C-alpha atoms as a PDB file:
ATOM      1  CA  MET A   1    -105.263-104.996  30.198  1.00  0.00           C
ATOM      2  CA  LYS A   2    -103.347-104.907  33.707  1.00  0.00           C
ATOM      3  CA  SER A   3    -100.071-103.593  33.607  1.00  0.00           C
ATOM      4  CA  CYS A   4     -96.757-105.682  35.378  1.00  0.00           C
ATOM      5  CA  PHE A   5     -96.844-103.130  37.663  1.00  0.00           C
ATOM      6  CA  THR A   6    -100.328-103.005  38.997  1.00  0.00           C
ATOM      7  CA  THR A   7    -100.648-106.879  39.077  1.00  0.00           C
ATOM      8  CA  GLU A   8     -97.809-106.939  41.344  1.00  0.00           C
ATOM      9  CA  LEU A   9     -99.403-104.182  44.092  1.00  0.00           C
ATOM     10  CA  GLU A  10    -102.831-106.212  43.651  1.00  0.00           C
ATOM     11  CA  ARG A  11    -101.118-109.357  44.517  1.00  0.00           C
ATOM     12  CA  ALA A  12     -99.565-107.680  47.724  1.00  0.00           C
ATOM     13  CA  GLY A  13    -103.047-106.095  48.679  1.00  0.00           C
ATOM     14  CA  ARG A  14    -103.114-102.743  47.400  1.00  0.00           C
ATOM     15  CA  ASN A  15    -104.607-101.609  44.211  1.00  0.00           C
ATOM     16  CA  PRO A  16    -103.086 -98.092  43.187  1.00  0.00           C
ATOM     17  CA  GLY A  17    -105.916 -97.402  40.714  1.00  0.00           C
ATOM     18  CA  LEU A  18    -105.778 -93.563  39.527  1.00  0.00           C
ATOM     19  CA  LYS A  19    -109.123 -91.925  39.908  1.00  0.00           C
ATOM     20  CA  LEU A  20    -109.608 -88.760  37.897  1.00  0.00           C
ATOM     21  CA  ARG A  21    -112.320 -86.958  40.056  1.00  0.00           C
ATOM     22  CA  GLY A  22    -113.256 -83.407  39.133  1.00  0.00           C
ATOM     23  CA  ARG A  23    -115.475 -80.692  41.221  1.00  0.00           C
ATOM     24  CA  PHE A  24    -116.899 -77.597  40.754  1.00  0.00           C
ATOM     25  CA  HIS A  25    -117.836 -75.556  43.503  1.00  0.00           C
ATOM     26  CA  ILE A  26    -120.967 -73.064  42.742  1.00  0.00           C
ATOM     27  CA  GLU A  27    -121.831 -69.694  44.106  1.00  0.00           C
ATOM     28  CA  HIS A  28    -125.406 -67.661  42.937  1.00  0.00           C
ATOM     29  CA  ILE A  29    -125.006 -64.184  44.055  1.00  0.00           C
ATOM     30  CA  ARG A  30    -128.119 -61.594  43.404  1.00  0.00           C
ATOM     31  CA  ASN A  31    -127.452 -57.815  45.264  1.00  0.00           C
ATOM     32  CA  GLY A  32    -124.496 -58.703  46.385  1.00  0.00           C
ATOM     33  CA  GLU A  33    -125.319 -62.058  48.566  1.00  0.00           C
ATOM     34  CA  VAL A  34    -124.497 -65.412  47.869  1.00  0.00           C
ATOM     35  CA  ILE A  35    -128.451 -66.889  47.715  1.00  0.00           C
ATOM     36  CA  HIS A  36    -126.985 -70.576  46.768  1.00  0.00           C
ATOM     37  CA  ARG A  37    -124.105 -72.867  46.778  1.00  0.00           C
ATOM     38  CA  GLU A  38    -123.038 -75.921  46.248  1.00  0.00           C
ATOM     39  CA  ASP A  39    -120.719 -78.507  45.031  1.00  0.00           C
ATOM     40  CA  ILE A  40    -121.090 -81.020  42.128  1.00  0.00           C
ATOM     41  CA  THR A  41    -118.867 -83.822  40.620  1.00  0.00           C
ATOM     42  CA  ASN A  42    -118.313 -84.324  36.853  1.00  0.00           C
ATOM     43  CA  GLY A  43    -118.604 -86.952  34.418  1.00  0.00           C
ATOM     44  CA  ILE A  44    -115.386 -86.750  32.447  1.00  0.00           C
ATOM     45  CA  THR A  45    -115.521 -87.526  28.532  1.00  0.00           C
ATOM     46  CA  VAL A  46    -114.159 -90.349  26.421  1.00  0.00           C
ATOM     47  CA  GLU A  47    -113.272 -87.175  24.388  1.00  0.00           C
ATOM     48  CA  GLY A  48    -111.325 -85.744  27.523  1.00  0.00           C
ATOM     49  CA  LYS A  49    -109.575 -89.172  28.722  1.00  0.00           C
ATOM     50  CA  ASN A  50    -108.677 -89.702  25.217  1.00  0.00           C
ATOM     51  CA  PHE A  51    -106.758 -86.465  24.951  1.00  0.00           C
ATOM     52  CA  LEU A  52    -105.178 -87.223  28.333  1.00  0.00           C
ATOM     53  CA  LEU A  53    -103.980 -89.972  27.568  1.00  0.00           C
ATOM     54  CA  ASN A  54    -102.550 -89.155  24.043  1.00  0.00           C
ATOM     55  CA  VAL A  55    -100.738 -86.107  25.362  1.00  0.00           C
ATOM     56  CA  GLY A  56     -99.549 -87.983  28.635  1.00  0.00           C
ATOM     57  CA  PHE A  57     -98.285 -91.069  26.847  1.00  0.00           C
ATOM     58  CA  HIS A  58     -98.502 -91.129  23.043  1.00  0.00           C
ATOM     59  CA  GLY A  59     -95.623 -91.040  21.490  1.00  0.00           C
ATOM     60  CA  GLY A  60     -96.921 -90.006  17.743  1.00  0.00           C
ATOM     61  CA  ALA A  61     -97.874 -87.059  16.159  1.00  0.00           C
ATOM     62  CA  GLY A  62    -101.015 -86.464  18.554  1.00  0.00           C
ATOM     63  CA  PRO A  63    -102.653 -83.384  19.771  1.00  0.00           C
ATOM     64  CA  ALA A  64    -100.637 -80.923  21.402  1.00  0.00           C
ATOM     65  CA  LYS A  65    -101.042 -79.812  24.955  1.00  0.00           C
ATOM     66  CA  ILE A  66    -103.765 -77.621  25.561  1.00  0.00           C
ATOM     67  CA  THR A  67    -102.894 -74.332  27.798  1.00  0.00           C
ATOM     68  CA  VAL A  68    -105.957 -72.483  28.167  1.00  0.00           C
ATOM     69  CA  TRP A  69    -109.521 -73.970  29.651  1.00  0.00           C
ATOM     70  CA  TYR A  70    -112.516 -72.384  29.614  1.00  0.00           C
ATOM     71  CA  ILE A  71    -115.988 -73.200  31.354  1.00  0.00           C
ATOM     72  CA  GLY A  72    -119.599 -72.748  29.867  1.00  0.00           C
ATOM     73  CA  LEU A  73    -122.824 -73.188  30.992  1.00  0.00           C
ATOM     74  CA  ILE A  74    -125.252 -75.925  29.892  1.00  0.00           C
ATOM     75  CA  ASP A  75    -129.480 -74.764  29.226  1.00  0.00           C
ATOM     76  CA  ASN A  76    -131.980 -76.185  31.408  1.00  0.00           C
ATOM     77  CA  SER A  77    -134.386 -75.513  28.277  1.00  0.00           C
ATOM     78  CA  GLY A  78    -134.425 -78.324  25.663  1.00  0.00           C
ATOM     79  CA  PHE A  79    -131.943 -80.462  28.002  1.00  0.00           C
ATOM     80  CA  GLY A  80    -131.846 -83.914  27.743  1.00  0.00           C
ATOM     81  CA  ALA A  81    -129.379 -86.148  29.523  1.00  0.00           C
ATOM     82  CA  LEU A  82    -125.880 -85.828  29.928  1.00  0.00           C
ATOM     83  CA  ASP A  83    -122.744 -88.400  28.577  1.00  0.00           C
ATOM     84  CA  GLU A  84    -119.406 -90.002  28.468  1.00  0.00           C
ATOM     85  CA  THR A  85    -119.754 -89.959  24.477  1.00  0.00           C
ATOM     86  CA  ASP A  86    -120.610 -86.004  24.527  1.00  0.00           C
ATOM     87  CA  ASP A  87    -117.970 -84.153  22.399  1.00  0.00           C
ATOM     88  CA  TYR A  88    -117.188 -80.959  21.356  1.00  0.00           C
ATOM     89  CA  ASP A  89    -117.994 -81.251  17.996  1.00  0.00           C
ATOM     90  CA  ASP A  90    -121.582 -81.635  19.334  1.00  0.00           C
ATOM     91  CA  ILE A  91    -122.176 -78.368  21.107  1.00  0.00           C
ATOM     92  CA  ASP A  92    -125.354 -76.922  20.214  1.00  0.00           C
ATOM     93  CA  GLN A  93    -125.906 -79.946  18.051  1.00  0.00           C
ATOM     94  CA  ALA A  94    -127.799 -82.983  17.547  1.00  0.00           C
ATOM     95  CA  GLY A  95    -125.338 -85.131  18.519  1.00  0.00           C
ATOM     96  CA  ASN A  96    -125.415 -83.983  22.615  1.00  0.00           C
ATOM     97  CA  ASP A  97    -128.109 -84.010  24.053  1.00  0.00           C
ATOM     98  CA  TRP A  98    -127.656 -80.417  25.703  1.00  0.00           C
ATOM     99  CA  ASP A  99    -127.196 -76.880  24.307  1.00  0.00           C
ATOM    100  CA  GLU A 100    -124.805 -74.488  25.963  1.00  0.00           C
ATOM    101  CA  TRP A 101    -126.801 -71.095  27.735  1.00  0.00           C
ATOM    102  CA  PRO A 102    -124.975 -67.997  26.597  1.00  0.00           C
ATOM    103  CA  ASP A 103    -126.738 -65.138  27.969  1.00  0.00           C
ATOM    104  CA  TYR A 104    -123.907 -63.718  30.371  1.00  0.00           C
ATOM    105  CA  THR A 105    -120.771 -61.460  29.735  1.00  0.00           C
ATOM    106  CA  ASP A 106    -117.530 -62.431  31.046  1.00  0.00           C
ATOM    107  CA  ALA A 107    -116.816 -60.451  33.940  1.00  0.00           C
ATOM    108  CA  ASN A 108    -112.763 -60.912  33.937  1.00  0.00           C
ATOM    109  CA  ASN A 109    -112.670 -60.504  30.068  1.00  0.00           C
ATOM    110  CA  GLY A 110    -113.964 -57.235  30.017  1.00  0.00           C
ATOM    111  CA  ASP A 111    -117.079 -57.967  30.179  1.00  0.00           C
ATOM    112  CA  SER A 112    -117.327 -59.767  26.699  1.00  0.00           C
ATOM    113  CA  ALA A 113    -120.626 -61.007  25.385  1.00  0.00           C
ATOM    114  CA  VAL A 114    -118.568 -63.517  23.483  1.00  0.00           C
ATOM    115  CA  THR A 115    -116.433 -65.074  25.594  1.00  0.00           C
ATOM    116  CA  ARG A 116    -117.012 -68.237  28.393  1.00  0.00           C
ATOM    117  CA  PRO A 117    -114.651 -67.120  31.052  1.00  0.00           C
ATOM    118  CA  GLU A 118    -111.209 -69.171  31.681  1.00  0.00           C
ATOM    119  CA  TRP A 119    -110.702 -71.571  33.992  1.00  0.00           C
ATOM    120  CA  SER A 120    -107.382 -70.053  35.924  1.00  0.00           C
ATOM    121  CA  GLU A 121    -105.630 -73.137  37.152  1.00  0.00           C
ATOM    122  CA  GLY A 122    -102.661 -73.384  39.592  1.00  0.00           C
ATOM    123  CA  ALA A 123    -100.401 -75.783  39.508  1.00  0.00           C
ATOM    124  CA  ALA A 124    -100.497 -79.555  40.826  1.00  0.00           C
ATOM    125  CA  SER A 125     -99.697 -80.113  44.366  1.00  0.00           C
ATOM    126  CA  ASN A 126    -100.957 -82.647  46.860  1.00  0.00           C
ATOM    127  CA  LYS A 127    -102.705 -85.024  44.088  1.00  0.00           C
ATOM    128  CA  GLN A 128    -104.620 -81.886  42.750  1.00  0.00           C
ATOM    129  CA  ILE A 129    -104.966 -78.724  40.631  1.00  0.00           C
ATOM    130  CA  THR A 130    -107.831 -76.201  41.500  1.00  0.00           C
ATOM    131  CA  THR A 131    -108.604 -72.877  40.562  1.00  0.00           C
ATOM    132  CA  ASP A 132    -105.911 -70.296  41.314  1.00  0.00           C
ATOM    133  CA  THR A 133    -107.551 -66.674  40.630  1.00  0.00           C
ATOM    134  CA  PRO A 134    -109.674 -65.249  39.720  1.00  0.00           C
ATOM    135  CA  GLN A 135    -112.657 -67.648  40.058  1.00  0.00           C
ATOM    136  CA  ALA A 136    -114.733 -67.843  36.511  1.00  0.00           C
ATOM    137  CA  ILE A 137    -117.592 -65.028  36.789  1.00  0.00           C
ATOM    138  CA  TYR A 138    -120.406 -65.096  34.778  1.00  0.00           C
ATOM    139  CA  ASP A 139    -123.049 -61.742  34.882  1.00  0.00           C
ATOM    140  CA  VAL A 140    -126.540 -62.256  33.968  1.00  0.00           C
ATOM    141  CA  VAL A 141    -127.836 -60.161  30.928  1.00  0.00           C
ATOM    142  CA  VAL A 142    -131.336 -59.354  30.224  1.00  0.00           C
ATOM    143  CA  ALA A 143    -131.801 -61.572  27.735  1.00  0.00           C
ATOM    144  CA  GLY A 144    -131.069 -64.467  30.197  1.00  0.00           C
ATOM    145  CA  ASP A 145    -133.503 -62.748  33.216  1.00  0.00           C
ATOM    146  CA  GLY A 146    -135.684 -65.373  33.821  1.00  0.00           C
ATOM    147  CA  ASP A 147    -133.081 -68.304  32.430  1.00  0.00           C
ATOM    148  CA  THR A 148    -132.897 -71.728  34.298  1.00  0.00           C
ATOM    149  CA  VAL A 149    -128.987 -73.411  33.926  1.00  0.00           C
ATOM    150  CA  TYR A 150    -128.735 -76.474  33.824  1.00  0.00           C
ATOM    151  CA  GLY A 151    -125.147 -77.131  34.649  1.00  0.00           C
ATOM    152  CA  VAL A 152    -121.349 -76.382  33.745  1.00  0.00           C
ATOM    153  CA  PHE A 153    -119.081 -78.053  31.204  1.00  0.00           C
ATOM    154  CA  ILE A 154    -115.200 -77.543  30.397  1.00  0.00           C
ATOM    155  CA  VAL A 155    -113.520 -76.755  27.215  1.00  0.00           C
ATOM    156  CA  GLY A 156    -110.108 -76.268  25.981  1.00  0.00           C
ATOM    157  CA  GLY A 157    -108.722 -75.577  22.703  1.00  0.00           C
ATOM    158  CA  PRO A 158    -107.950 -72.740  19.719  1.00  0.00           C
ATOM    159  CA  ASN A 159    -111.088 -71.719  19.405  1.00  0.00           C
ATOM    160  CA  SER A 160    -112.374 -73.085  22.730  1.00  0.00           C
ATOM    161  CA  GLN A 161    -112.932 -69.685  24.324  1.00  0.00           C
ATOM    162  CA  THR A 162    -115.493 -68.226  22.030  1.00  0.00           C
ATOM    163  CA  LYS A 163    -119.109 -69.016  23.387  1.00  0.00           C
ATOM    164  CA  SER A 164    -121.344 -71.544  21.254  1.00  0.00           C
ATOM    165  CA  ASP A 165    -118.435 -72.425  19.146  1.00  0.00           C
ATOM    166  CA  HIS A 166    -118.312 -76.818  17.891  1.00  0.00           C
ATOM    167  CA  ILE A 167    -115.980 -76.609  15.366  1.00  0.00           C
ATOM    168  CA  SER A 168    -113.379 -79.554  16.222  1.00  0.00           C
ATOM    169  CA  GLY A 169    -110.657 -78.253  14.302  1.00  0.00           C
ATOM    170  CA  SER A 170    -107.054 -79.332  13.940  1.00  0.00           C
ATOM    171  CA  PRO A 171    -105.147 -79.050  16.611  1.00  0.00           C
ATOM    172  CA  PRO A 172    -108.460 -80.457  18.698  1.00  0.00           C
ATOM    173  CA  ASN A 173    -110.947 -78.337  20.501  1.00  0.00           C
ATOM    174  CA  ILE A 174    -112.063 -80.800  23.420  1.00  0.00           C
ATOM    175  CA  LEU A 175    -114.927 -80.948  25.672  1.00  0.00           C
ATOM    176  CA  TRP A 176    -112.801 -82.198  29.219  1.00  0.00           C
ATOM    177  CA  SER A 177    -116.174 -82.873  31.423  1.00  0.00           C
ATOM    178  CA  THR A 178    -119.778 -82.140  32.142  1.00  0.00           C
ATOM    179  CA  ALA A 179    -121.409 -81.254  35.369  1.00  0.00           C
ATOM    180  CA  ALA A 180    -125.701 -80.941  36.193  1.00  0.00           C
ATOM    181  CA  PHE A 181    -126.486 -78.836  39.340  1.00  0.00           C
ATOM    182  CA  GLY A 182    -127.861 -80.519  42.328  1.00  0.00           C
ATOM    183  CA  SER A 183    -131.436 -78.761  40.504  1.00  0.00           C
ATOM    184  CA  PRO A 184    -131.251 -76.373  37.628  1.00  0.00           C
ATOM    185  CA  ILE A 185    -130.561 -72.745  38.668  1.00  0.00           C
ATOM    186  CA  THR A 186    -132.940 -69.786  38.103  1.00  0.00           C
ATOM    187  CA  VAL A 187    -130.735 -66.527  37.523  1.00  0.00           C
ATOM    188  CA  ALA A 188    -132.225 -62.809  36.882  1.00  0.00           C
ATOM    189  CA  THR A 189    -130.577 -59.816  35.073  1.00  0.00           C
ATOM    190  CA  SER A 190    -127.179 -58.923  37.243  1.00  0.00           C
ATOM    191  CA  ASP A 191    -127.039 -62.277  38.859  1.00  0.00           C
ATOM    192  CA  GLN A 192    -123.524 -63.775  39.178  1.00  0.00           C
ATOM    193  CA  LEU A 193    -122.614 -66.839  39.098  1.00  0.00           C
ATOM    194  CA  LYS A 194    -119.235 -67.917  40.455  1.00  0.00           C
ATOM    195  CA  ILE A 195    -117.494 -71.535  39.684  1.00  0.00           C
ATOM    196  CA  THR A 196    -114.309 -72.912  40.608  1.00  0.00           C
ATOM    197  CA  TYR A 197    -112.936 -75.919  39.643  1.00  0.00           C
ATOM    198  CA  THR A 198    -110.672 -78.410  41.117  1.00  0.00           C
ATOM    199  CA  ILE A 199    -109.477 -81.960  39.382  1.00  0.00           C
ATOM    200  CA  SER A 200    -107.674 -84.090  42.012  1.00  0.00           C
ATOM    201  CA  THR A 201    -106.440 -88.208  42.292  1.00  0.00           C
END
């Protein structure tokens, strides 16, 4: 259903359609040198879109605003597919056709082995919001040596900082988006992955 505002603009030959676009910038670092970098676009989940609409427009007892978001990594092992119906409750479960890759420490959180790195976003400007500082940094540990990472995802909510957490909860935890690397990335012990995320319209 179109709003009257949209219809009038289309009659005038202008379409103001709001299209959210998410982009990840990835750097793969080995022995202090960047050996690979790329930019990839994300797919925003149905769960993420519903959350955005409820928080932005729904006047009832909808979900509360999420103030901190985290970036996780997708394992190439056992990977099947990414789908817009993927949700937080099915991370590492049968509902999503992929699992989280956990074999890193969170460099920005005291090298924690149990947390996903935070997406430290700045305020919106010029129709976009992007990483402020620092980037999300993943230090590969021995258990991850030789593993292959398929892609990335973004989550938010009260439990979402914890790796492999998949409890929907109340207030809810949300899987906002997922993205695949151009080709899966094979990592070695002490490699780093650095990730920046930008949403624009």
